[in-house]
Amino acid sequence: MIETTDLYCIAYGCPKNNRNNDCPLLEIEHLSFTEKKDWIDKLDKESEEFILKHHSFCTKRKITKQGKK
């Protein structure tokens, strides 16, 4: 199930501190929080799902990478 609230949280900032170059939210990094909210509100469900899936995969990848150090 898609939680739009999760999108707002990750739009505010990457929980792992750095957005990768392939992050779909990188394009809105420079926007204010209100502008980010407006951008998210205009997304269709497919785009929301894509962003959340990407975020989940990316976070797991970063955690795995940190564990190997």
PDB file of N, CA and C in Angstrom:
ATOM      1  N   MET A   1       0.837  -1.191   0.000  1.00  0.00           N
ATOM      2  CA  MET A   1       0.000   0.000   0.000  1.00  0.00           C
ATOM      3  C   MET A   1       0.879   1.250   0.000  1.00  0.00           C
ATOM      4  N   ILE A   2       0.521   2.183  -0.816  1.00  0.00           N
ATOM      5  CA  ILE A   2       1.284   3.421  -0.928  1.00  0.00           C
ATOM      6  C   ILE A   2       0.860   4.390   0.155  1.00  0.00           C
ATOM      7  N   GLU A   3       1.838   4.936   0.832  1.00  0.00           N
ATOM      8  CA  GLU A   3       1.582   5.952   1.849  1.00  0.00           C
ATOM      9  C   GLU A   3       2.168   7.266   1.354  1.00  0.00           C
ATOM     10  N   THR A   4       1.310   8.191   0.979  1.00  0.00           N
ATOM     11  CA  THR A   4       1.779   9.479   0.481  1.00  0.00           C
ATOM     12  C   THR A   4       2.610  10.192   1.535  1.00  0.00           C
ATOM     13  N   THR A   5       2.312   9.959   2.800  1.00  0.00           N
ATOM     14  CA  THR A   5       3.088  10.565   3.883  1.00  0.00           C
ATOM     15  C   THR A   5       4.557  10.184   3.766  1.00  0.00           C
ATOM     16  N   ASP A   6       4.822   8.932   3.384  1.00  0.00           N
ATOM     17  CA  ASP A   6       6.206   8.494   3.195  1.00  0.00           C
ATOM     18  C   ASP A   6       6.900   9.318   2.111  1.00  0.00           C
ATOM     19  N   LEU A   7       6.184   9.644   1.077  1.00  0.00           N
ATOM     20  CA  LEU A   7       6.762  10.464   0.008  1.00  0.00           C
ATOM     21  C   LEU A   7       7.167  11.840   0.514  1.00  0.00           C
ATOM     22  N   TYR A   8       6.328  12.437   1.332  1.00  0.00           N
ATOM     23  CA  TYR A   8       6.662  13.748   1.884  1.00  0.00           C
ATOM     24  C   TYR A   8       7.935  13.671   2.725  1.00  0.00           C
ATOM     25  N   CYS A   9       8.042  12.614   3.493  1.00  0.00           N
ATOM     26  CA  CYS A   9       9.222  12.448   4.358  1.00  0.00           C
ATOM     27  C   CYS A   9      10.496  12.307   3.542  1.00  0.00           C
ATOM     28  N   ILE A  10      10.486  11.431   2.553  1.00  0.00           N
ATOM     29  CA  ILE A  10      11.710  11.232   1.778  1.00  0.00           C
ATOM     30  C   ILE A  10      11.973  12.387   0.816  1.00  0.00           C
ATOM     31  N   ALA A  11      10.937  13.143   0.479  1.00  0.00           N
ATOM     32  CA  ALA A  11      11.157  14.331  -0.366  1.00  0.00           C
ATOM     33  C   ALA A  11      11.909  15.402   0.418  1.00  0.00           C
ATOM     34  N   TYR A  12      11.658  15.448   1.721  1.00  0.00           N
ATOM     35  CA  TYR A  12      12.331  16.436   2.573  1.00  0.00           C
ATOM     36  C   TYR A  12      13.827  16.180   2.618  1.00  0.00           C
ATOM     37  N   GLY A  13      14.208  14.919   2.666  1.00  0.00           N
ATOM     38  CA  GLY A  13      15.623  14.584   2.670  1.00  0.00           C
ATOM     39  C   GLY A  13      15.837  13.090   2.667  1.00  0.00           C
ATOM     40  N   CYS A  14      16.923  12.671   2.078  1.00  0.00           N
ATOM     41  CA  CYS A  14      17.276  11.256   2.036  1.00  0.00           C
ATOM     42  C   CYS A  14      17.671  10.804   3.445  1.00  0.00           C
ATOM     43  N   PRO A  15      17.076   9.724   3.934  1.00  0.00           N
ATOM     44  CA  PRO A  15      17.424   9.267   5.280  1.00  0.00           C
ATOM     45  C   PRO A  15      18.862   8.756   5.398  1.00  0.00           C
ATOM     46  N   LYS A  16      19.486   8.498   4.283  1.00  0.00           N
ATOM     47  CA  LYS A  16      20.890   8.066   4.280  1.00  0.00           C
ATOM     48  C   LYS A  16      21.816   9.223   3.893  1.00  0.00           C
ATOM     49  N   ASN A  17      21.321  10.432   3.978  1.00  0.00           N
ATOM     50  CA  ASN A  17      22.056  11.692   3.820  1.00  0.00           C
ATOM     51  C   ASN A  17      22.372  12.128   2.395  1.00  0.00           C
ATOM     52  N   ASN A  18      22.594  11.223   1.484  1.00  0.00           N
ATOM     53  CA  ASN A  18      22.966  11.617   0.122  1.00  0.00           C
ATOM     54  C   ASN A  18      22.063  10.941  -0.893  1.00  0.00           C
ATOM     55  N   ARG A  19      21.488  11.722  -1.780  1.00  0.00           N
ATOM     56  CA  ARG A  19      20.700  11.148  -2.865  1.00  0.00           C
ATOM     57  C   ARG A  19      21.659  10.671  -3.955  1.00  0.00           C
ATOM     58  N   ASN A  20      21.406   9.484  -4.467  1.00  0.00           N
ATOM     59  CA  ASN A  20      22.180   8.982  -5.590  1.00  0.00           C
ATOM     60  C   ASN A  20      21.750   9.696  -6.859  1.00  0.00           C
ATOM     61  N   ASN A  21      22.572   9.632  -7.876  1.00  0.00           N
ATOM     62  CA  ASN A  21      22.267  10.285  -9.152  1.00  0.00           C
ATOM     63  C   ASN A  21      21.012   9.729  -9.816  1.00  0.00           C
ATOM     64  N   ASP A  22      20.623   8.509  -9.475  1.00  0.00           N
ATOM     65  CA  ASP A  22      19.439   7.909 -10.081  1.00  0.00           C
ATOM     66  C   ASP A  22      18.170   8.110  -9.236  1.00  0.00           C
ATOM     67  N   CYS A  23      18.265   8.880  -8.173  1.00  0.00           N
ATOM     68  CA  CYS A  23      17.111   9.122  -7.309  1.00  0.00           C
ATOM     69  C   CYS A  23      16.057   9.962  -8.048  1.00  0.00           C
ATOM     70  N   PRO A  24      14.814   9.471  -8.106  1.00  0.00           N
ATOM     71  CA  PRO A  24      13.776  10.240  -8.793  1.00  0.00           C
ATOM     72  C   PRO A  24      13.425  11.554  -8.078  1.00  0.00           C
ATOM     73  N   LEU A  25      13.851  11.698  -6.835  1.00  0.00           N
ATOM     74  CA  LEU A  25      13.572  12.943  -6.105  1.00  0.00           C
ATOM     75  C   LEU A  25      14.703  13.962  -6.226  1.00  0.00           C
ATOM     76  N   LEU A  26      15.761  13.590  -6.887  1.00  0.00           N
ATOM     77  CA  LEU A  26      16.889  14.498  -7.057  1.00  0.00           C
ATOM     78  C   LEU A  26      16.471  15.764  -7.807  1.00  0.00           C
ATOM     79  N   GLU A  27      15.548  15.627  -8.736  1.00  0.00           N
ATOM     80  CA  GLU A  27      15.112  16.768  -9.536  1.00  0.00           C
ATOM     81  C   GLU A  27      14.349  17.828  -8.728  1.00  0.00           C
ATOM     82  N   ILE A  28      13.863  17.458  -7.549  1.00  0.00           N
ATOM     83  CA  ILE A  28      13.127  18.440  -6.734  1.00  0.00           C
ATOM     84  C   ILE A  28      13.916  18.837  -5.486  1.00  0.00           C
ATOM     85  N   GLU A  29      15.143  18.404  -5.391  1.00  0.00           N
ATOM     86  CA  GLU A  29      15.979  18.666  -4.215  1.00  0.00           C
ATOM     87  C   GLU A  29      16.062  20.166  -3.897  1.00  0.00           C
ATOM     88  N   HIS A  30      16.103  20.990  -4.911  1.00  0.00           N
ATOM     89  CA  HIS A  30      16.278  22.436  -4.728  1.00  0.00           C
ATOM     90  C   HIS A  30      14.993  23.174  -4.331  1.00  0.00           C
ATOM     91  N   LEU A  31      13.849  22.487  -4.388  1.00  0.00           N
ATOM     92  CA  LEU A  31      12.571  23.141  -4.101  1.00  0.00           C
ATOM     93  C   LEU A  31      12.333  23.284  -2.596  1.00  0.00           C
ATOM     94  N   SER A  32      11.509  24.236  -2.237  1.00  0.00           N
ATOM     95  CA  SER A  32      11.097  24.381  -0.834  1.00  0.00           C
ATOM     96  C   SER A  32      10.194  23.202  -0.479  1.00  0.00           C
ATOM     97  N   PHE A  33       9.947  22.984   0.810  1.00  0.00           N
ATOM     98  CA  PHE A  33       9.091  21.871   1.209  1.00  0.00           C
ATOM     99  C   PHE A  33       7.690  22.026   0.626  1.00  0.00           C
ATOM    100  N   THR A  34       7.166  23.230   0.606  1.00  0.00           N
ATOM    101  CA  THR A  34       5.832  23.475   0.050  1.00  0.00           C
ATOM    102  C   THR A  34       5.804  23.137  -1.435  1.00  0.00           C
ATOM    103  N   GLU A  35       6.840  23.519  -2.155  1.00  0.00           N
ATOM    104  CA  GLU A  35       6.912  23.193  -3.584  1.00  0.00           C
ATOM    105  C   GLU A  35       7.032  21.679  -3.793  1.00  0.00           C
ATOM    106  N   LYS A  36       7.791  21.024  -2.918  1.00  0.00           N
ATOM    107  CA  LYS A  36       7.899  19.564  -3.000  1.00  0.00           C
ATOM    108  C   LYS A  36       6.533  18.918  -2.746  1.00  0.00           C
ATOM    109  N   LYS A  37       5.806  19.426  -1.756  1.00  0.00           N
ATOM    110  CA  LYS A  37       4.473  18.897  -1.454  1.00  0.00           C
ATOM    111  C   LYS A  37       3.554  19.043  -2.663  1.00  0.00           C
ATOM    112  N   ASP A  38       3.586  20.208  -3.278  1.00  0.00           N
ATOM    113  CA  ASP A  38       2.753  20.442  -4.463  1.00  0.00           C
ATOM    114  C   ASP A  38       3.129  19.485  -5.595  1.00  0.00           C
ATOM    115  N   TRP A  39       4.424  19.247  -5.780  1.00  0.00           N
ATOM    116  CA  TRP A  39       4.919  18.341  -6.825  1.00  0.00           C
ATOM    117  C   TRP A  39       4.408  16.924  -6.550  1.00  0.00           C
ATOM    118  N   ILE A  40       4.500  16.488  -5.298  1.00  0.00           N
ATOM    119  CA  ILE A  40       4.039  15.150  -4.921  1.00  0.00           C
ATOM    120  C   ILE A  40       2.531  15.027  -5.103  1.00  0.00           C
ATOM    121  N   ASP A  41       1.803  16.060  -4.741  1.00  0.00           N
ATOM    122  CA  ASP A  41       0.342  16.029  -4.866  1.00  0.00           C
ATOM    123  C   ASP A  41      -0.112  15.839  -6.307  1.00  0.00           C
ATOM    124  N   LYS A  42       0.726  16.187  -7.258  1.00  0.00           N
ATOM    125  CA  LYS A  42       0.375  16.064  -8.675  1.00  0.00           C
ATOM    126  C   LYS A  42       0.773  14.710  -9.275  1.00  0.00           C
ATOM    127  N   LEU A  43       1.484  13.889  -8.506  1.00  0.00           N
ATOM    128  CA  LEU A  43       1.913  12.579  -9.015  1.00  0.00           C
ATOM    129  C   LEU A  43       0.731  11.623  -9.142  1.00  0.00           C
ATOM    130  N   ASP A  44       0.800  10.768 -10.152  1.00  0.00           N
ATOM    131  CA  ASP A  44      -0.193   9.694 -10.232  1.00  0.00           C
ATOM    132  C   ASP A  44       0.291   8.532  -9.366  1.00  0.00           C
ATOM    133  N   LYS A  45      -0.576   7.588  -9.114  1.00  0.00           N
ATOM    134  CA  LYS A  45      -0.256   6.465  -8.214  1.00  0.00           C
ATOM    135  C   LYS A  45       0.921   5.646  -8.731  1.00  0.00           C
ATOM    136  N   GLU A  46       1.029   5.494 -10.034  1.00  0.00           N
ATOM    137  CA  GLU A  46       2.139   4.733 -10.616  1.00  0.00           C
ATOM    138  C   GLU A  46       3.480   5.403 -10.311  1.00  0.00           C
ATOM    139  N   SER A  47       3.531   6.712 -10.426  1.00  0.00           N
ATOM    140  CA  SER A  47       4.761   7.455 -10.122  1.00  0.00           C
ATOM    141  C   SER A  47       5.086   7.389  -8.634  1.00  0.00           C
ATOM    142  N   GLU A  48       4.081   7.493  -7.798  1.00  0.00           N
ATOM    143  CA  GLU A  48       4.292   7.375  -6.348  1.00  0.00           C
ATOM    144  C   GLU A  48       4.887   6.014  -6.023  1.00  0.00           C
ATOM    145  N   GLU A  49       4.308   4.975  -6.606  1.00  0.00           N
ATOM    146  CA  GLU A  49       4.787   3.615  -6.351  1.00  0.00           C
ATOM    147  C   GLU A  49       6.222   3.441  -6.835  1.00  0.00           C
ATOM    148  N   PHE A  50       6.533   3.984  -7.999  1.00  0.00           N
ATOM    149  CA  PHE A  50       7.885   3.894  -8.535  1.00  0.00           C
ATOM    150  C   PHE A  50       8.891   4.541  -7.580  1.00  0.00           C
ATOM    151  N   ILE A  51       8.576   5.727  -7.094  1.00  0.00           N
ATOM    152  CA  ILE A  51       9.477   6.445  -6.191  1.00  0.00           C
ATOM    153  C   ILE A  51       9.673   5.664  -4.898  1.00  0.00           C
ATOM    154  N   LEU A  52       8.592   5.152  -4.331  1.00  0.00           N
ATOM    155  CA  LEU A  52       8.697   4.399  -3.074  1.00  0.00           C
ATOM    156  C   LEU A  52       9.463   3.094  -3.242  1.00  0.00           C
ATOM    157  N   LYS A  53       9.258   2.412  -4.369  1.00  0.00           N
ATOM    158  CA  LYS A  53      10.013   1.181  -4.628  1.00  0.00           C
ATOM    159  C   LYS A  53      11.493   1.496  -4.810  1.00  0.00           C
ATOM    160  N   HIS A  54      11.774   2.557  -5.543  1.00  0.00           N
ATOM    161  CA  HIS A  54      13.166   2.960  -5.741  1.00  0.00           C
ATOM    162  C   HIS A  54      13.805   3.290  -4.400  1.00  0.00           C
ATOM    163  N   HIS A  55      13.101   4.025  -3.584  1.00  0.00           N
ATOM    164  CA  HIS A  55      13.603   4.403  -2.259  1.00  0.00           C
ATOM    165  C   HIS A  55      13.908   3.161  -1.415  1.00  0.00           C
ATOM    166  N   SER A  56      12.991   2.212  -1.409  1.00  0.00           N
ATOM    167  CA  SER A  56      13.177   0.989  -0.630  1.00  0.00           C
ATOM    168  C   SER A  56      14.411   0.222  -1.105  1.00  0.00           C
ATOM    169  N   PHE A  57      14.533   0.044  -2.397  1.00  0.00           N
ATOM    170  CA  PHE A  57      15.684  -0.665  -2.960  1.00  0.00           C
ATOM    171  C   PHE A  57      16.981   0.070  -2.645  1.00  0.00           C
ATOM    172  N   CYS A  58      16.986   1.366  -2.833  1.00  0.00           N
ATOM    173  CA  CYS A  58      18.183   2.182  -2.619  1.00  0.00           C
ATOM    174  C   CYS A  58      18.619   2.141  -1.146  1.00  0.00           C
ATOM    175  N   THR A  59      17.664   2.259  -0.242  1.00  0.00           N
ATOM    176  CA  THR A  59      17.982   2.224   1.186  1.00  0.00           C
ATOM    177  C   THR A  59      18.587   0.874   1.565  1.00  0.00           C
ATOM    178  N   LYS A  60      17.992  -0.202   1.081  1.00  0.00           N
ATOM    179  CA  LYS A  60      18.531  -1.535   1.363  1.00  0.00           C
ATOM    180  C   LYS A  60      19.945  -1.671   0.816  1.00  0.00           C
ATOM    181  N   ARG A  61      20.173  -1.144  -0.379  1.00  0.00           N
ATOM    182  CA  ARG A  61      21.497  -1.202  -1.002  1.00  0.00           C
ATOM    183  C   ARG A  61      22.521  -0.428  -0.166  1.00  0.00           C
ATOM    184  N   LYS A  62      22.142   0.734   0.321  1.00  0.00           N
ATOM    185  CA  LYS A  62      23.062   1.540   1.128  1.00  0.00           C
ATOM    186  C   LYS A  62      23.349   0.870   2.469  1.00  0.00           C
ATOM    187  N   ILE A  63      22.346   0.258   3.074  1.00  0.00           N
ATOM    188  CA  ILE A  63      22.552  -0.430   4.350  1.00  0.00           C
ATOM    189  C   ILE A  63      23.486  -1.625   4.151  1.00  0.00           C
ATOM    190  N   THR A  64      23.269  -2.371   3.084  1.00  0.00           N
ATOM    191  CA  THR A  64      24.118  -3.523   2.781  1.00  0.00           C
ATOM    192  C   THR A  64      25.552  -3.080   2.540  1.00  0.00           C
ATOM    193  N   LYS A  65      25.703  -2.000   1.817  1.00  0.00           N
ATOM    194  CA  LYS A  65      27.036  -1.464   1.505  1.00  0.00           C
ATOM    195  C   LYS A  65      27.749  -1.021   2.790  1.00  0.00           C
ATOM    196  N   GLN A  66      27.019  -0.382   3.700  1.00  0.00           N
ATOM    197  CA  GLN A  66      27.600   0.059   4.974  1.00  0.00           C
ATOM    198  C   GLN A  66      28.040  -1.126   5.814  1.00  0.00           C
ATOM    199  N   GLY A  67      27.275  -2.208   5.769  1.00  0.00           N
ATOM    200  CA  GLY A  67      27.594  -3.391   6.561  1.00  0.00           C
ATOM    201  C   GLY A  67      28.856  -4.098   6.097  1.00  0.00           C
ATOM    202  N   LYS A  68      29.253  -3.862   4.857  1.00  0.00           N
ATOM    203  CA  LYS A  68      30.446  -4.512   4.306  1.00  0.00           C
ATOM    204  C   LYS A  68      31.720  -3.746   4.605  1.00  0.00           C
ATOM    205  N   LYS A  69      31.605  -2.554   5.165  1.00  0.00           N
ATOM    206  CA  LYS A  69      32.794  -1.741   5.464  1.00  0.00           C
ATOM    207  C   LYS A  69      33.499  -2.236   6.680  1.00  0.00           C
TER     208      LYS A  69
END
